[in-house]
Amino acid sequence: MKRESNVCVQCNGQTAWQNVTFRYPFRHKVYNVKNFPAEVCSVCNEKSFHAKDLEKLDKQILKKESVQELEFSF
């Protein structure tokens, strides 16, 4: 899916969509998530995530609750 870049809400820098690795707390556990789409600021490195992507992530975690590391895919 093609996504447009925007302006960072923290510093007004330019953002671009990238796949990132990050730690995601969910239901008293912390998951290492790889290859997840995020809008990343080129100035301050702030990451923003799309709500629909986070909903997909939640569903994926619920299917594999015992897993601590997830590779996200569309």
N, C-alpha and C. Protein backbone atom coordinates (compact mmCIF):
# COMPACT_ATOMS: atom_id res chain seq x y z
N MET A 1 0.83 -1.17 0.00
CA MET A 1 0.00 0.00 0.00
C MET A 1 0.89 1.25 0.00
N LYS A 2 0.65 2.15 -0.89
CA LYS A 2 1.41 3.40 -1.00
C LYS A 2 0.91 4.39 0.03
N ARG A 3 1.83 4.97 0.80
CA ARG A 3 1.47 5.94 1.82
C ARG A 3 2.26 7.21 1.62
N GLU A 4 1.61 8.32 1.86
CA GLU A 4 2.26 9.61 1.68
C GLU A 4 3.01 10.02 2.94
N SER A 5 4.09 10.77 2.75
CA SER A 5 4.84 11.33 3.86
C SER A 5 4.13 12.56 4.38
N ASN A 6 4.39 12.89 5.63
CA ASN A 6 3.77 14.03 6.28
C ASN A 6 4.80 14.84 7.03
N VAL A 7 4.31 15.71 7.89
CA VAL A 7 5.16 16.53 8.75
C VAL A 7 5.11 15.96 10.16
N CYS A 8 6.25 15.90 10.82
CA CYS A 8 6.35 15.37 12.18
C CYS A 8 5.59 16.26 13.16
N VAL A 9 4.82 15.64 14.05
CA VAL A 9 4.06 16.39 15.05
C VAL A 9 4.96 16.91 16.17
N GLN A 10 6.16 16.34 16.32
CA GLN A 10 7.07 16.76 17.39
C GLN A 10 7.93 17.95 16.99
N CYS A 11 8.48 17.93 15.75
CA CYS A 11 9.47 18.95 15.38
C CYS A 11 9.22 19.61 14.02
N ASN A 12 8.14 19.21 13.34
CA ASN A 12 7.81 19.73 12.00
C ASN A 12 8.77 19.27 10.91
N GLY A 13 9.58 18.26 11.19
CA GLY A 13 10.46 17.70 10.17
C GLY A 13 9.67 16.85 9.19
N GLN A 14 10.31 16.47 8.10
CA GLN A 14 9.69 15.62 7.08
C GLN A 14 9.71 14.17 7.52
N THR A 15 8.61 13.46 7.30
CA THR A 15 8.55 12.04 7.65
C THR A 15 8.51 11.19 6.39
N ALA A 16 8.89 9.93 6.55
CA ALA A 16 8.84 8.96 5.45
C ALA A 16 8.46 7.61 6.04
N TRP A 17 7.74 6.81 5.26
CA TRP A 17 7.34 5.48 5.71
C TRP A 17 8.51 4.52 5.59
N GLN A 18 8.76 3.77 6.67
CA GLN A 18 9.83 2.77 6.72
C GLN A 18 9.33 1.57 7.51
N ASN A 19 9.93 0.43 7.30
CA ASN A 19 9.68 -0.73 8.16
C ASN A 19 10.67 -0.67 9.30
N VAL A 20 10.16 -0.78 10.54
CA VAL A 20 11.01 -0.62 11.72
C VAL A 20 10.87 -1.84 12.64
N THR A 21 11.81 -1.94 13.56
CA THR A 21 11.76 -2.91 14.64
C THR A 21 11.54 -2.12 15.92
N PHE A 22 10.60 -2.58 16.77
CA PHE A 22 10.35 -1.86 18.01
C PHE A 22 9.77 -2.81 19.05
N ARG A 23 9.77 -2.35 20.31
CA ARG A 23 9.21 -3.11 21.41
C ARG A 23 7.78 -2.64 21.63
N TYR A 24 6.86 -3.59 21.76
CA TYR A 24 5.44 -3.28 21.86
C TYR A 24 4.83 -3.94 23.10
N PRO A 25 4.45 -3.13 24.11
CA PRO A 25 3.80 -3.71 25.28
C PRO A 25 2.34 -4.04 24.97
N PHE A 26 1.93 -5.25 25.36
CA PHE A 26 0.56 -5.69 25.10
C PHE A 26 0.18 -6.74 26.13
N ARG A 27 -0.85 -6.47 26.89
CA ARG A 27 -1.37 -7.40 27.90
C ARG A 27 -0.29 -7.94 28.83
N HIS A 28 0.42 -7.05 29.49
CA HIS A 28 1.42 -7.38 30.50
C HIS A 28 2.64 -8.12 29.95
N LYS A 29 2.84 -8.09 28.64
CA LYS A 29 4.04 -8.66 28.02
C LYS A 29 4.62 -7.60 27.08
N VAL A 30 5.90 -7.77 26.74
CA VAL A 30 6.53 -6.88 25.78
C VAL A 30 7.01 -7.74 24.61
N TYR A 31 6.60 -7.36 23.40
CA TYR A 31 6.95 -8.10 22.19
C TYR A 31 7.95 -7.32 21.37
N ASN A 32 8.91 -8.03 20.77
CA ASN A 32 9.81 -7.43 19.79
C ASN A 32 9.17 -7.61 18.43
N VAL A 33 8.84 -6.52 17.78
CA VAL A 33 8.14 -6.56 16.50
C VAL A 33 9.10 -6.10 15.41
N LYS A 34 9.21 -6.92 14.36
CA LYS A 34 10.11 -6.61 13.25
C LYS A 34 9.31 -6.32 11.99
N ASN A 35 9.88 -5.49 11.13
CA ASN A 35 9.31 -5.23 9.80
C ASN A 35 7.92 -4.59 9.88
N PHE A 36 7.74 -3.65 10.81
CA PHE A 36 6.45 -3.00 11.01
C PHE A 36 6.46 -1.61 10.37
N PRO A 37 5.42 -1.24 9.61
CA PRO A 37 5.40 0.06 8.95
C PRO A 37 5.21 1.20 9.94
N ALA A 38 6.06 2.21 9.81
CA ALA A 38 5.98 3.39 10.67
C ALA A 38 6.35 4.62 9.86
N GLU A 39 5.78 5.73 10.26
CA GLU A 39 6.14 7.01 9.67
C GLU A 39 7.25 7.57 10.56
N VAL A 40 8.47 7.73 10.01
CA VAL A 40 9.64 8.09 10.80
C VAL A 40 10.14 9.47 10.38
N CYS A 41 10.36 10.34 11.38
CA CYS A 41 10.84 11.70 11.12
C CYS A 41 12.33 11.67 10.78
N SER A 42 12.72 12.40 9.75
CA SER A 42 14.12 12.45 9.34
C SER A 42 14.96 13.35 10.25
N VAL A 43 14.30 14.17 11.09
CA VAL A 43 15.02 15.08 11.98
C VAL A 43 15.17 14.49 13.39
N CYS A 44 14.04 14.17 14.02
CA CYS A 44 14.08 13.73 15.42
C CYS A 44 13.89 12.22 15.60
N ASN A 45 13.64 11.49 14.51
CA ASN A 45 13.47 10.04 14.52
C ASN A 45 12.20 9.57 15.24
N GLU A 46 11.26 10.47 15.48
CA GLU A 46 9.97 10.11 16.07
C GLU A 46 9.25 9.14 15.14
N LYS A 47 8.64 8.10 15.73
CA LYS A 47 7.91 7.10 14.95
C LYS A 47 6.42 7.23 15.21
N SER A 48 5.63 7.20 14.16
CA SER A 48 4.17 7.20 14.27
C SER A 48 3.65 5.96 13.57
N PHE A 49 2.64 5.36 14.17
CA PHE A 49 2.08 4.12 13.62
C PHE A 49 0.62 4.35 13.24
N HIS A 50 0.19 3.71 12.18
CA HIS A 50 -1.19 3.80 11.71
C HIS A 50 -2.06 2.91 12.60
N ALA A 51 -3.21 3.42 13.04
CA ALA A 51 -4.09 2.68 13.95
C ALA A 51 -4.51 1.32 13.37
N LYS A 52 -4.79 1.26 12.09
CA LYS A 52 -5.21 0.00 11.47
C LYS A 52 -4.08 -1.04 11.51
N ASP A 53 -2.83 -0.58 11.36
CA ASP A 53 -1.69 -1.50 11.45
C ASP A 53 -1.55 -2.04 12.88
N LEU A 54 -1.77 -1.18 13.88
CA LEU A 54 -1.69 -1.63 15.26
C LEU A 54 -2.81 -2.61 15.59
N GLU A 55 -3.98 -2.41 15.02
CA GLU A 55 -5.07 -3.37 15.21
C GLU A 55 -4.71 -4.73 14.63
N LYS A 56 -4.08 -4.74 13.45
CA LYS A 56 -3.63 -6.00 12.85
C LYS A 56 -2.58 -6.67 13.73
N LEU A 57 -1.69 -5.87 14.30
CA LEU A 57 -0.66 -6.40 15.19
C LEU A 57 -1.30 -7.04 16.42
N ASP A 58 -2.26 -6.37 17.03
CA ASP A 58 -2.95 -6.92 18.19
C ASP A 58 -3.57 -8.28 17.86
N LYS A 59 -4.22 -8.37 16.72
CA LYS A 59 -4.85 -9.63 16.31
C LYS A 59 -3.80 -10.72 16.10
N GLN A 60 -2.66 -10.35 15.51
CA GLN A 60 -1.59 -11.32 15.27
C GLN A 60 -1.03 -11.82 16.59
N ILE A 61 -0.87 -10.94 17.56
CA ILE A 61 -0.36 -11.34 18.87
C ILE A 61 -1.35 -12.28 19.56
N LEU A 62 -2.63 -11.97 19.48
CA LEU A 62 -3.64 -12.81 20.13
C LEU A 62 -3.66 -14.23 19.55
N LYS A 63 -3.32 -14.37 18.28
CA LYS A 63 -3.26 -15.69 17.67
C LYS A 63 -2.04 -16.48 18.14
N LYS A 64 -0.96 -15.76 18.51
CA LYS A 64 0.31 -16.39 18.89
C LYS A 64 0.78 -15.86 20.23
N GLU A 65 -0.03 -15.94 21.25
CA GLU A 65 0.28 -15.31 22.54
C GLU A 65 1.58 -15.76 23.18
N SER A 66 2.01 -16.97 22.92
CA SER A 66 3.23 -17.46 23.56
C SER A 66 4.51 -16.95 22.88
N VAL A 67 4.39 -16.31 21.74
CA VAL A 67 5.54 -15.82 20.99
C VAL A 67 5.98 -14.46 21.54
N GLN A 68 7.29 -14.26 21.69
CA GLN A 68 7.81 -13.00 22.18
C GLN A 68 8.33 -12.10 21.06
N GLU A 69 8.56 -12.68 19.88
CA GLU A 69 9.08 -11.90 18.76
C GLU A 69 8.21 -12.18 17.54
N LEU A 70 7.81 -11.12 16.84
CA LEU A 70 6.93 -11.25 15.70
C LEU A 70 7.52 -10.58 14.47
N GLU A 71 7.37 -11.21 13.34
CA GLU A 71 7.71 -10.60 12.06
C GLU A 71 6.38 -10.19 11.46
N PHE A 72 6.19 -8.90 11.28
CA PHE A 72 4.91 -8.39 10.80
C PHE A 72 4.87 -8.48 9.29
N SER A 73 3.73 -8.91 8.74
CA SER A 73 3.56 -8.95 7.29
C SER A 73 2.12 -8.64 6.93
N PHE A 74 1.95 -8.02 5.77
CA PHE A 74 0.59 -7.67 5.32
C PHE A 74 0.00 -8.79 4.51
